[in-house]
Protein backbone atom coordinates (compact mmCIF):
# COMPACT_ATOMS: atom_id res chain seq x y z
CA MET A 1 28.45 -16.12 -7.81
CA GLU A 2 28.26 -13.51 -5.03
CA TYR A 3 25.28 -11.64 -3.79
CA LEU A 4 24.57 -8.93 -1.57
CA VAL A 5 24.34 -9.68 1.55
CA TRP A 6 21.51 -7.60 3.59
CA ASN A 7 21.58 -7.27 7.34
CA LEU A 8 20.63 -3.98 8.21
CA ASP A 9 20.16 -3.30 11.91
CA PRO A 10 16.28 -3.03 12.14
CA VAL A 11 16.95 0.18 14.92
CA MET A 12 18.02 3.12 13.23
CA PHE A 13 19.51 4.72 16.33
CA THR A 14 18.34 4.80 20.12
CA ILE A 15 17.83 8.20 21.81
CA MET A 16 17.24 8.16 25.54
CA GLY A 17 16.61 4.44 25.78
CA ILE A 18 13.90 4.75 23.12
CA LYS A 19 14.63 2.62 20.04
CA ILE A 20 13.97 4.19 16.50
CA GLN A 21 13.39 1.51 13.99
CA TRP A 22 13.65 1.72 10.26
CA TYR A 23 10.14 0.82 9.54
CA GLY A 24 8.58 3.32 11.94
CA VAL A 25 10.40 5.99 10.21
CA LEU A 26 9.78 4.74 6.80
CA PHE A 27 6.29 4.37 7.32
CA ALA A 28 6.20 8.11 8.91
CA THR A 29 7.94 9.26 5.94
CA ALA A 30 5.25 7.49 3.98
CA ILE A 31 2.45 9.04 5.69
CA THR A 32 4.18 12.47 5.22
CA THR A 33 4.64 12.13 1.49
CA GLY A 34 1.21 10.91 0.77
CA PHE A 35 -0.08 13.92 3.31
CA LEU A 36 2.36 16.44 0.93
CA VAL A 37 1.06 15.41 -2.29
CA MET A 38 -2.62 15.81 -1.12
CA LYS A 39 -1.49 19.11 0.29
CA ARG A 40 -0.36 20.00 -3.39
CA ILE A 41 -3.65 18.73 -4.84
CA TYR A 42 -5.84 20.93 -2.64
CA ALA A 43 -3.61 23.73 -3.36
CA LEU A 44 -4.27 23.24 -7.15
CA GLU A 45 -7.91 23.07 -6.84
CA GLY A 46 -8.46 25.60 -4.28
CA LEU A 47 -9.66 23.42 -1.48
CA ASN A 48 -10.23 24.38 1.88
CA PRO A 49 -6.49 23.77 3.54
CA ASP A 50 -8.20 23.52 7.02
CA SER A 51 -9.57 19.82 6.74
CA LEU A 52 -6.49 18.45 5.86
CA ASP A 53 -5.65 17.89 9.27
CA ASP A 54 -8.78 16.29 9.46
CA LEU A 55 -7.82 14.28 6.49
CA LEU A 56 -4.62 13.15 7.79
CA ILE A 57 -6.38 11.43 10.96
CA TYR A 58 -9.17 9.83 9.47
CA SER A 59 -6.43 8.37 6.59
CA VAL A 60 -4.15 7.09 9.40
CA ILE A 61 -6.68 5.56 11.61
CA GLY A 62 -8.12 3.62 8.17
CA ILE A 63 -4.84 2.59 7.20
CA VAL A 64 -3.50 1.09 10.27
CA VAL A 65 -6.79 -0.51 11.70
CA GLY A 66 -7.42 -1.72 8.10
CA ALA A 67 -4.11 -3.01 7.72
CA ARG A 68 -3.84 -4.73 11.16
CA LEU A 69 -7.44 -6.45 10.80
CA GLY A 70 -6.48 -7.33 7.43
CA HIS A 71 -3.24 -9.06 8.72
CA VAL A 72 -5.27 -10.75 11.62
CA PHE A 73 -8.14 -12.10 9.64
CA PHE A 74 -6.65 -12.83 5.88
CA TYR A 75 -3.04 -14.33 7.33
CA GLU A 76 -3.00 -15.48 11.30
CA PRO A 77 -6.63 -15.86 11.98
CA GLU A 78 -6.36 -18.99 14.14
CA TYR A 79 -3.26 -17.34 16.16
CA TYR A 80 -5.05 -13.99 16.79
CA LEU A 81 -8.40 -15.69 17.66
CA ALA A 82 -6.34 -17.78 20.28
CA ASN A 83 -4.71 -14.99 21.44
CA PRO A 84 -7.35 -11.75 21.03
CA LEU A 85 -5.23 -9.58 23.33
CA LEU A 86 -2.43 -9.07 20.64
CA ILE A 87 -4.62 -7.83 17.87
CA PRO A 88 -4.06 -4.23 18.87
CA ALA A 89 0.04 -4.92 19.22
CA ILE A 90 1.06 -3.61 15.64
CA TRP A 91 4.66 -2.76 17.04
CA LYS A 92 5.03 -6.67 16.81
CA GLY A 93 4.39 -6.42 12.93
CA GLY A 94 1.78 -7.75 10.62
CA LEU A 95 -0.04 -5.15 8.40
CA ALA A 96 -1.84 -6.15 5.20
CA SER A 97 -2.25 -3.55 2.41
CA HIS A 98 -5.17 -5.02 1.31
CA GLY A 99 -6.76 -4.29 4.55
CA GLY A 100 -5.05 -0.89 4.60
CA THR A 101 -6.78 0.06 1.31
CA VAL A 102 -10.83 -1.28 2.85
CA GLY A 103 -9.39 0.77 5.61
CA VAL A 104 -8.67 4.07 4.21
CA VAL A 105 -11.65 3.60 1.74
CA LEU A 106 -14.22 3.39 4.58
CA ALA A 107 -12.26 6.47 6.57
CA MET A 108 -12.83 8.47 3.37
CA TYR A 109 -16.42 7.73 3.57
CA PHE A 110 -16.81 9.31 6.94
CA TYR A 111 -14.27 12.30 6.36
CA LYS A 112 -16.22 13.33 3.07
CA ARG A 113 -18.80 14.53 5.32
CA LYS A 114 -16.36 16.98 7.08
CA ALA A 115 -14.67 17.96 3.95
CA GLN A 116 -18.40 18.30 1.88
CA LEU A 117 -16.61 16.67 -1.22
CA PRO A 118 -17.84 13.90 -3.30
CA PHE A 119 -16.93 10.38 -2.29
CA ILE A 120 -15.35 9.28 -5.57
CA TYR A 121 -13.78 12.84 -6.22
CA LEU A 122 -11.85 12.40 -3.00
CA LEU A 123 -11.11 8.59 -3.62
CA ASP A 124 -9.62 10.22 -7.16
CA ARG A 125 -7.35 12.26 -5.38
CA LEU A 126 -6.14 10.43 -3.07
CA ALA A 127 -5.29 7.67 -5.27
CA VAL A 128 -2.79 9.84 -6.75
CA GLY A 129 -0.52 10.42 -3.83
CA THR A 130 -1.01 6.93 -2.65
CA GLY A 131 1.74 5.06 -4.80
CA ILE A 132 4.46 7.12 -2.85
CA PHE A 133 3.37 5.96 0.50
CA CYS A 134 3.16 2.17 -0.78
CA PHE A 135 6.70 2.84 -1.99
CA PHE A 136 8.00 3.77 1.50
CA VAL A 137 6.10 1.28 3.21
CA ARG A 138 7.91 -1.48 0.94
CA MET A 139 11.33 0.31 1.76
CA GLY A 140 10.28 -0.26 5.22
CA ASN A 141 10.03 -3.98 4.69
CA PHE A 142 13.02 -4.20 2.90
CA ALA A 143 15.03 -2.73 6.01
CA ASN A 144 13.48 -5.14 8.11
CA SER A 145 14.13 -8.21 5.76
CA GLU A 146 10.47 -9.55 5.72
CA ILE A 147 8.14 -10.37 2.82
CA VAL A 148 11.27 -11.82 1.25
CA GLY A 149 11.02 -13.39 -1.96
CA ILE A 150 11.85 -17.32 -3.02
CA THR A 151 15.31 -18.51 -3.57
CA THR A 152 16.72 -17.71 -7.01
CA ASP A 153 19.94 -17.54 -9.04
CA LYS A 154 19.17 -14.23 -10.48
CA PRO A 155 22.34 -12.34 -10.47
CA TRP A 156 20.49 -9.31 -8.61
CA ALA A 157 19.38 -11.83 -5.84
CA ILE A 158 20.24 -10.65 -2.37
CA ILE A 159 20.79 -12.85 0.69
CA PHE A 160 18.73 -11.88 3.74
CA GLU A 161 20.85 -12.74 6.44
CA ARG A 162 18.38 -12.45 9.35
CA VAL A 163 16.18 -15.15 7.25
CA ASP A 164 18.90 -17.63 6.09
CA MET A 165 21.92 -17.61 3.63
CA LEU A 166 20.21 -18.25 0.63
CA PRO A 167 19.86 -15.91 -2.28
CA ARG A 168 16.05 -14.61 -2.96
CA HIS A 169 14.48 -12.60 -5.04
CA PRO A 170 14.40 -8.74 -3.47
CA ALA A 171 10.27 -8.92 -3.76
CA GLN A 172 10.27 -6.01 -1.53
CA LEU A 173 12.31 -3.97 -3.54
CA TYR A 174 9.94 -5.27 -6.71
CA GLU A 175 7.16 -3.96 -5.12
CA ALA A 176 8.60 -0.68 -3.97
CA ILE A 177 9.74 0.19 -7.57
CA ALA A 178 6.66 -0.68 -9.39
CA TYR A 179 4.58 1.39 -6.80
CA LEU A 180 7.09 4.37 -7.55
CA ALA A 181 6.61 4.05 -11.14
CA ILE A 182 2.57 4.07 -10.48
CA PHE A 183 2.89 7.01 -8.46
CA ILE A 184 4.61 9.08 -11.26
CA THR A 185 2.42 7.96 -13.80
CA MET A 186 -0.56 8.81 -11.58
CA TRP A 187 0.90 11.98 -11.09
CA LEU A 188 1.72 13.10 -14.64
CA LEU A 189 -1.99 12.16 -15.53
CA TYR A 190 -3.30 14.11 -13.08
CA ARG A 191 -1.45 16.93 -13.83
CA TYR A 192 -1.40 16.87 -17.59
CA THR A 193 -4.38 15.17 -18.87
CA HIS A 194 -8.15 15.49 -18.71
CA ILE A 195 -8.46 11.98 -16.71
CA LYS A 196 -9.40 13.85 -13.28
CA GLN A 197 -12.41 14.85 -14.68
CA LYS A 198 -13.84 11.38 -15.34
CA GLN A 199 -15.06 10.32 -11.55
CA GLY A 200 -13.60 7.06 -10.62
CA ALA A 201 -11.06 6.79 -13.62
CA LEU A 202 -8.07 7.66 -10.97
CA VAL A 203 -8.71 5.46 -8.43
CA GLY A 204 -9.83 2.75 -10.84
CA LEU A 205 -6.62 2.65 -12.55
CA PHE A 206 -4.67 3.05 -9.41
CA LEU A 207 -6.50 -0.27 -8.11
CA ALA A 208 -5.67 -2.07 -11.15
CA LEU A 209 -2.31 -1.23 -11.51
CA VAL A 210 -1.29 -1.69 -8.00
CA PHE A 211 -2.98 -4.87 -6.96
CA GLY A 212 -2.47 -6.04 -10.74
CA ALA A 213 1.61 -5.77 -10.00
CA ARG A 214 0.97 -6.98 -6.23
CA TYR A 215 -0.67 -10.43 -8.17
CA LEU A 216 2.13 -10.58 -10.30
CA ILE A 217 5.12 -9.98 -7.71
CA GLU A 218 3.34 -12.90 -5.66
CA PHE A 219 4.53 -15.36 -7.69
CA VAL A 220 7.95 -14.84 -6.42
CA LYS A 221 7.23 -14.10 -2.78
CA VAL A 222 7.58 -16.35 0.02
CA ARG A 223 3.94 -17.28 1.17
CA GLN A 224 2.78 -15.62 4.32
CA ALA A 225 -0.28 -17.60 5.33
CA GLU A 226 0.70 -21.11 6.71
CA PHE A 227 -2.63 -22.66 6.25
CA ALA A 228 -2.53 -21.66 2.26
CA GLN A 229 1.24 -22.99 1.40
CA GLU A 230 -0.10 -25.79 -0.88
CA TRP A 231 -3.11 -23.68 -2.57
CA ALA A 232 -2.79 -22.85 -6.24
CA MET A 233 -2.69 -18.96 -5.44
CA SER A 234 -1.20 -17.18 -2.58
CA VAL A 235 -3.99 -15.40 -0.05
CA GLY A 236 -2.16 -12.19 -1.69
CA GLN A 237 -3.09 -13.21 -5.28
CA MET A 238 -6.67 -14.12 -4.12
CA LEU A 239 -7.16 -10.80 -2.15
CA SER A 240 -5.84 -8.92 -5.15
CA ILE A 241 -8.12 -9.99 -7.88
CA PRO A 242 -11.50 -8.48 -6.79
CA PHE A 243 -9.52 -5.19 -5.94
CA VAL A 244 -8.27 -5.34 -9.77
CA LEU A 245 -11.79 -6.45 -10.98
CA VAL A 246 -13.18 -3.13 -9.03
CA GLY A 247 -10.63 -0.91 -10.39
CA LEU A 248 -11.44 -2.00 -13.96
CA GLY A 249 -14.86 -1.54 -13.23
CA LEU A 250 -14.30 1.98 -12.25
CA PHE A 251 -12.22 2.86 -14.89
CA ILE A 252 -14.02 1.55 -17.94
CA ALA A 253 -17.42 3.05 -16.26
CA ALA A 254 -15.78 6.47 -15.83
CA PHE A 255 -15.20 6.57 -19.82
CA MET A 256 -18.60 5.34 -20.55
CA VAL A 257 -20.65 7.46 -18.10
CA ASN A 258 -18.54 10.59 -19.91
CA THR A 259 -18.87 9.51 -23.78
CA LYS A 260 -22.67 8.77 -22.56
CA GLY A 261 -22.79 12.02 -21.09
CA ASN A 262 -21.45 13.69 -24.34
CA LYS A 263 -24.11 12.25 -26.60
């Protein structure tokens, strides 16, 4: 059976000696599209657009710092504790979505003071556009031939030539497709239902769907943490479970509080 061979040059192009990489471009696209969704939400809800610049700054700092520290402490703690000066070297790779999630939540806690908006209200709106951000980030991983899947004989398997010549699950594409579907679902719910009026429902649903998908897709991914190769669950799965539980709790609580309020 012939499989697609993937070997995209990580450098998109070079200009004046500066290498522009696919991952960087797709990460920037992720931030831009997420920002545009929030801009649309602000317009629909009549919110002050002047605070959007602050929203972008807080979000980017929260995502990058949180994702980097998440990778350092969740996946390669021994290496970075032995080489602490390399912790800020994000250009060498190593960002963890679980840490990025915690980082952006903390960033929104501080941003709410500037925007003078309720914390949960902000998280609900931010959750709507985060799926499209996640989609482009995983496409960046695919471009880089990283976070690959385990070997398989499925007809849609891909050979990542930069890794080896074995057919593997395109796990990055599985996640990208899942996140795109979640974004579309979240946007339709936000625009055409009353779910946005139930505080915590949107962010709860987002956490449950995204990290539920992440938990399942981890079964076909090569484990990243060397120290957890023999564990029953991968580090990604163990980190996903609390997010799923928190998400379900927020979602259920949002409807329970609403129901009690209507009695």
